[in-house]
N, C-alpha and C. Protein backbone atom coordinates (compact mmCIF):
# COMPACT_ATOMS: atom_id res chain seq x y z
N MET A 1 99.04 74.48 103.50
CA MET A 1 98.98 75.10 104.61
C MET A 1 97.90 75.75 104.23
N LYS A 2 96.36 75.13 104.99
CA LYS A 2 95.49 76.45 104.97
C LYS A 2 95.08 77.15 105.96
N GLY A 3 94.35 78.86 105.48
CA GLY A 3 94.06 79.37 106.47
C GLY A 3 92.87 79.31 107.11
N LYS A 4 92.39 80.73 107.12
CA LYS A 4 90.47 81.34 107.93
C LYS A 4 89.60 81.12 106.94
N ASN A 5 88.40 79.86 107.21
CA ASN A 5 87.65 79.20 106.43
C ASN A 5 88.44 78.57 104.95
N ASN A 6 89.15 77.54 105.26
CA ASN A 6 89.97 76.71 104.90
C ASN A 6 90.61 77.52 103.00
N ILE A 7 90.92 78.36 103.50
CA ILE A 7 91.77 79.33 101.67
C ILE A 7 92.93 78.88 102.13
N PRO A 8 93.58 78.23 100.93
CA PRO A 8 95.18 78.02 101.27
C PRO A 8 95.38 79.66 101.36
N ASN A 9 96.75 79.51 102.83
CA ASN A 9 97.83 80.15 103.29
C ASN A 9 98.83 80.67 102.54
N ARG A 10 98.92 81.85 101.72
CA ARG A 10 99.56 82.39 100.81
C ARG A 10 100.79 83.08 101.28
N ARG A 11 101.10 82.98 102.76
CA ARG A 11 102.28 83.91 102.61
C ARG A 11 103.59 83.10 102.49
N ARG A 12 103.84 84.26 102.12
CA ARG A 12 106.25 84.11 102.01
C ARG A 12 106.30 83.29 103.42
N HIS A 13 106.29 83.61 104.29
CA HIS A 13 107.40 83.79 105.66
C HIS A 13 105.67 83.73 107.09
N LYS A 14 106.34 82.69 107.76
CA LYS A 14 105.88 81.86 108.85
C LYS A 14 105.20 83.40 110.11
N ARG A 15 104.61 83.93 110.28
CA ARG A 15 103.94 84.79 111.17
C ARG A 15 104.62 84.37 112.41
N LYS A 16 104.68 85.27 113.47
CA LYS A 16 105.51 84.88 114.71
C LYS A 16 103.89 85.85 115.83
N ASP A 17 102.33 85.18 116.64
CA ASP A 17 102.28 86.05 117.39
C ASP A 17 103.34 87.10 117.91
N GLU A 18 102.65 88.12 118.35
CA GLU A 18 103.16 88.91 120.05
C GLU A 18 103.09 89.73 119.88
N MET A 19 102.19 90.60 120.83
CA MET A 19 101.90 91.78 121.78
C MET A 19 103.11 92.88 122.38
N ASN A 20 103.45 93.89 121.71
CA ASN A 20 103.94 95.11 122.58
C ASN A 20 104.04 96.65 121.43
N THR A 21 103.64 96.90 122.29
CA THR A 21 103.43 98.59 121.18
C THR A 21 104.99 98.91 120.98
N ILE A 22 104.40 99.99 119.80
CA ILE A 22 105.02 100.97 118.52
C ILE A 22 104.85 101.55 118.77
N GLU A 23 105.78 102.83 118.45
CA GLU A 23 105.32 103.95 117.40
C GLU A 23 105.78 103.75 115.76
N TYR A 24 105.21 104.92 115.01
CA TYR A 24 105.27 105.33 113.54
C TYR A 24 105.24 106.46 112.96
N VAL A 25 106.04 106.42 112.26
CA VAL A 25 106.31 107.88 111.66
C VAL A 25 105.55 107.69 110.14
N ILE A 26 103.96 108.74 109.93
CA ILE A 26 104.93 108.85 108.53
C ILE A 26 105.41 108.99 107.15
N GLU A 27 106.04 108.16 106.35
CA GLU A 27 106.69 109.16 105.19
C GLU A 27 106.28 108.82 104.02
N PRO A 28 106.42 110.36 103.43
CA PRO A 28 108.35 111.49 103.27
C PRO A 28 108.01 111.96 104.66
N LEU A 29 108.54 111.91 105.41
CA LEU A 29 108.72 112.39 107.13
C LEU A 29 108.09 114.26 106.89
N THR A 30 107.54 114.53 107.48
CA THR A 30 107.05 115.98 107.21
C THR A 30 107.05 116.60 107.58
N THR A 31 106.30 115.86 109.57
CA THR A 31 106.57 117.05 110.93
C THR A 31 107.01 115.81 112.36
N ASN A 32 107.10 116.20 112.77
CA ASN A 32 108.03 115.33 113.83
C ASN A 32 106.74 114.13 114.61
N GLU A 33 105.46 114.25 113.77
CA GLU A 33 104.07 113.32 114.28
C GLU A 33 104.54 111.97 115.02
N THR A 34 104.41 111.29 115.66
CA THR A 34 104.48 109.61 116.39
C THR A 34 103.15 109.44 116.39
N PHE A 35 103.45 107.72 116.41
CA PHE A 35 101.29 107.51 116.78
C PHE A 35 102.61 106.09 117.47
N ASP A 36 100.83 105.50 117.62
CA ASP A 36 101.38 104.53 118.82
C ASP A 36 100.38 103.69 117.78
N GLY A 37 100.58 102.64 117.86
CA GLY A 37 100.46 101.42 118.04
C GLY A 37 100.66 99.74 118.58
N VAL A 38 99.99 99.23 118.54
CA VAL A 38 100.41 97.25 118.78
C VAL A 38 100.84 96.46 117.58
N LEU A 39 101.70 95.53 118.08
CA LEU A 39 102.03 94.91 117.13
C LEU A 39 101.67 93.21 117.10
N VAL A 40 100.77 93.15 116.51
CA VAL A 40 100.57 92.10 116.47
C VAL A 40 100.59 90.83 115.91
N ASN A 41 101.90 90.77 114.83
CA ASN A 41 101.82 89.98 114.41
C ASN A 41 103.33 89.59 113.31
N VAL A 42 104.94 89.64 112.86
CA VAL A 42 105.59 89.55 112.40
C VAL A 42 106.15 88.75 111.69
N SER A 43 106.26 88.63 110.58
CA SER A 43 107.99 88.39 110.68
C SER A 43 108.59 88.61 109.75
N GLU A 44 109.02 87.22 108.30
CA GLU A 44 110.62 87.89 107.53
C GLU A 44 110.79 89.14 106.85
N SER A 45 108.81 89.49 106.32
CA SER A 45 108.58 90.37 104.72
C SER A 45 107.23 90.85 105.90
N GLY A 46 107.12 90.78 106.80
CA GLY A 46 105.98 92.03 107.17
C GLY A 46 105.57 91.73 108.65
N LEU A 47 104.31 93.03 108.84
CA LEU A 47 103.49 92.32 109.67
C LEU A 47 102.52 92.85 109.84
N CYS A 48 102.08 93.20 111.17
CA CYS A 48 100.67 92.94 111.24
C CYS A 48 100.42 94.26 112.77
N ILE A 49 99.63 95.13 112.67
CA ILE A 49 99.54 96.38 113.70
C ILE A 49 97.71 97.09 113.88
N LEU A 50 98.16 96.96 115.55
CA LEU A 50 96.25 97.59 115.48
C LEU A 50 96.19 99.59 115.77
N THR A 51 96.32 100.13 115.02
CA THR A 51 96.19 102.25 115.16
C THR A 51 94.94 102.61 115.19
N ASN A 52 94.73 103.04 116.31
CA ASN A 52 93.35 103.87 115.81
C ASN A 52 93.33 105.71 115.09
N ASP A 53 94.34 105.17 114.20
CA ASP A 53 95.17 106.17 112.78
C ASP A 53 94.40 105.10 111.74
N ILE A 54 93.93 106.43 110.69
CA ILE A 54 93.53 105.76 109.85
C ILE A 54 95.31 105.56 109.14
N LEU A 55 94.82 104.18 108.18
CA LEU A 55 96.50 104.89 107.13
C LEU A 55 95.68 103.93 106.45
N ASN A 56 96.11 104.08 104.82
CA ASN A 56 95.95 104.06 103.74
C ASN A 56 97.18 103.15 103.00
N LYS A 57 96.49 102.12 101.75
CA LYS A 57 96.93 101.19 101.30
C LYS A 57 97.36 101.55 100.46
N GLY A 58 99.40 101.62 100.25
CA GLY A 58 100.56 101.85 99.67
C GLY A 58 101.02 102.87 100.58
N GLN A 59 100.05 103.78 101.45
CA GLN A 59 100.46 104.78 102.91
C GLN A 59 102.04 103.92 102.86
N GLN A 60 103.89 104.66 103.20
CA GLN A 60 104.58 104.80 103.65
C GLN A 60 104.44 104.88 105.17
N ILE A 61 105.30 103.58 106.25
CA ILE A 61 105.74 103.91 107.14
C ILE A 61 106.52 103.62 107.98
N ARG A 62 107.01 104.20 108.80
CA ARG A 62 108.27 103.43 109.63
C ARG A 62 108.74 103.49 110.56
N ILE A 63 108.80 102.09 110.79
CA ILE A 63 108.09 101.49 112.49
C ILE A 63 109.66 102.18 113.23
N THR A 64 109.78 102.35 114.10
CA THR A 64 110.44 103.08 114.60
C THR A 64 110.65 102.44 116.25
N ALA A 65 109.34 101.12 116.66
CA ALA A 65 109.59 100.75 118.13
C ALA A 65 109.88 101.53 119.33
N ASN A 66 109.73 100.31 119.89
CA ASN A 66 108.89 101.19 122.09
C ASN A 66 109.85 99.46 121.97
N GLY A 67 111.15 99.75 122.61
CA GLY A 67 111.92 98.82 122.70
C GLY A 67 112.09 98.03 122.62
N HIS A 68 112.14 97.82 120.88
CA HIS A 68 112.47 96.09 120.08
C HIS A 68 113.63 97.50 118.19
N ALA A 69 114.14 96.22 118.47
CA ALA A 69 114.97 96.12 117.11
C ALA A 69 114.18 96.91 115.67
N ILE A 70 113.28 96.76 115.60
CA ILE A 70 112.58 97.74 114.03
C ILE A 70 113.16 98.73 114.49
N ASN A 71 113.46 99.27 113.73
CA ASN A 71 113.45 100.36 112.84
C ASN A 71 113.98 100.58 111.33
N LYS A 72 111.93 100.10 110.93
CA LYS A 72 112.11 99.46 108.31
C LYS A 72 111.32 99.92 108.01
N SER A 73 111.46 100.48 107.16
CA SER A 73 110.27 101.21 107.12
C SER A 73 109.13 100.19 105.84
N ALA A 74 107.95 100.41 105.66
CA ALA A 74 107.17 99.78 105.67
C ALA A 74 105.32 99.84 104.48
N VAL A 75 105.04 99.24 104.10
CA VAL A 75 104.10 99.71 103.10
C VAL A 75 102.91 99.11 103.45
N VAL A 76 101.91 99.48 103.68
CA VAL A 76 100.39 99.72 103.64
C VAL A 76 100.21 98.05 102.67
N ARG A 77 99.65 97.27 102.79
CA ARG A 77 98.71 96.84 102.27
C ARG A 77 97.48 95.79 101.90
N TRP A 78 97.34 96.42 103.67
CA TRP A 78 95.97 95.78 103.52
C TRP A 78 95.25 96.83 105.12
N THR A 79 94.23 97.29 105.17
CA THR A 79 93.48 97.58 106.25
C THR A 79 91.90 97.57 106.70
N GLU A 80 91.36 97.13 108.33
CA GLU A 80 90.37 97.01 107.71
C GLU A 80 89.91 97.56 109.25
N LYS A 81 88.89 97.80 109.66
CA LYS A 81 87.92 98.03 111.33
C LYS A 81 87.87 97.03 111.85
N TYR A 82 88.78 97.53 113.14
CA TYR A 82 88.70 96.06 114.03
C TYR A 82 87.56 96.35 114.87
N ASP A 83 87.37 97.54 114.87
CA ASP A 83 86.57 97.59 116.85
C ASP A 83 86.88 99.44 116.61
N ASP A 84 85.33 99.18 117.62
CA ASP A 84 85.52 100.98 117.47
C ASP A 84 86.77 101.80 117.96
N PHE A 85 87.33 101.61 118.57
CA PHE A 85 88.81 102.44 118.01
C PHE A 85 89.76 102.09 117.29
N TYR A 86 89.87 101.18 117.31
CA TYR A 86 91.20 100.33 116.02
C TYR A 86 91.28 99.82 114.64
N TYR A 87 91.60 100.22 113.25
CA TYR A 87 92.40 99.85 112.63
C TYR A 87 93.25 98.32 112.39
N LYS A 88 92.84 97.40 112.04
CA LYS A 88 93.63 96.35 111.98
C LYS A 88 94.83 96.70 110.66
N VAL A 89 96.42 97.08 110.55
CA VAL A 89 97.04 96.85 108.89
C VAL A 89 98.02 96.10 109.49
N GLY A 90 97.55 95.49 108.15
CA GLY A 90 99.04 94.27 107.46
C GLY A 90 99.82 95.02 107.17
N LEU A 91 101.00 94.61 106.70
CA LEU A 91 102.69 96.35 106.71
C LEU A 91 103.28 94.21 106.29
N GLU A 92 104.03 95.46 104.66
CA GLU A 92 104.53 94.78 103.99
C GLU A 92 106.25 95.48 104.63
N LEU A 93 107.30 94.48 105.03
CA LEU A 93 108.32 95.87 105.61
C LEU A 93 109.48 96.04 104.05
N LEU A 94 110.42 96.78 103.39
CA LEU A 94 110.27 97.01 102.39
C LEU A 94 112.21 97.73 103.07
């Protein structure tokens, strides 16, 4: 299957578009600070979120969710500037 720009899609699992708010914490947990984000899409192995906080490749977070059954750790695989307010972040579930 080919994706954007006619490049073969190397994803292991099909993504499902989904727009929901989430909450997450930075691991290892050193403070009680919770961050907000928007879930863009999800698959068996990962998800994509929008957040206005900078997350770095390799950083680990725990998705605590807002009304979702997601309570999983994930590692940041990529991040890119989305617009003047948000970063788009690709996460692999652990």
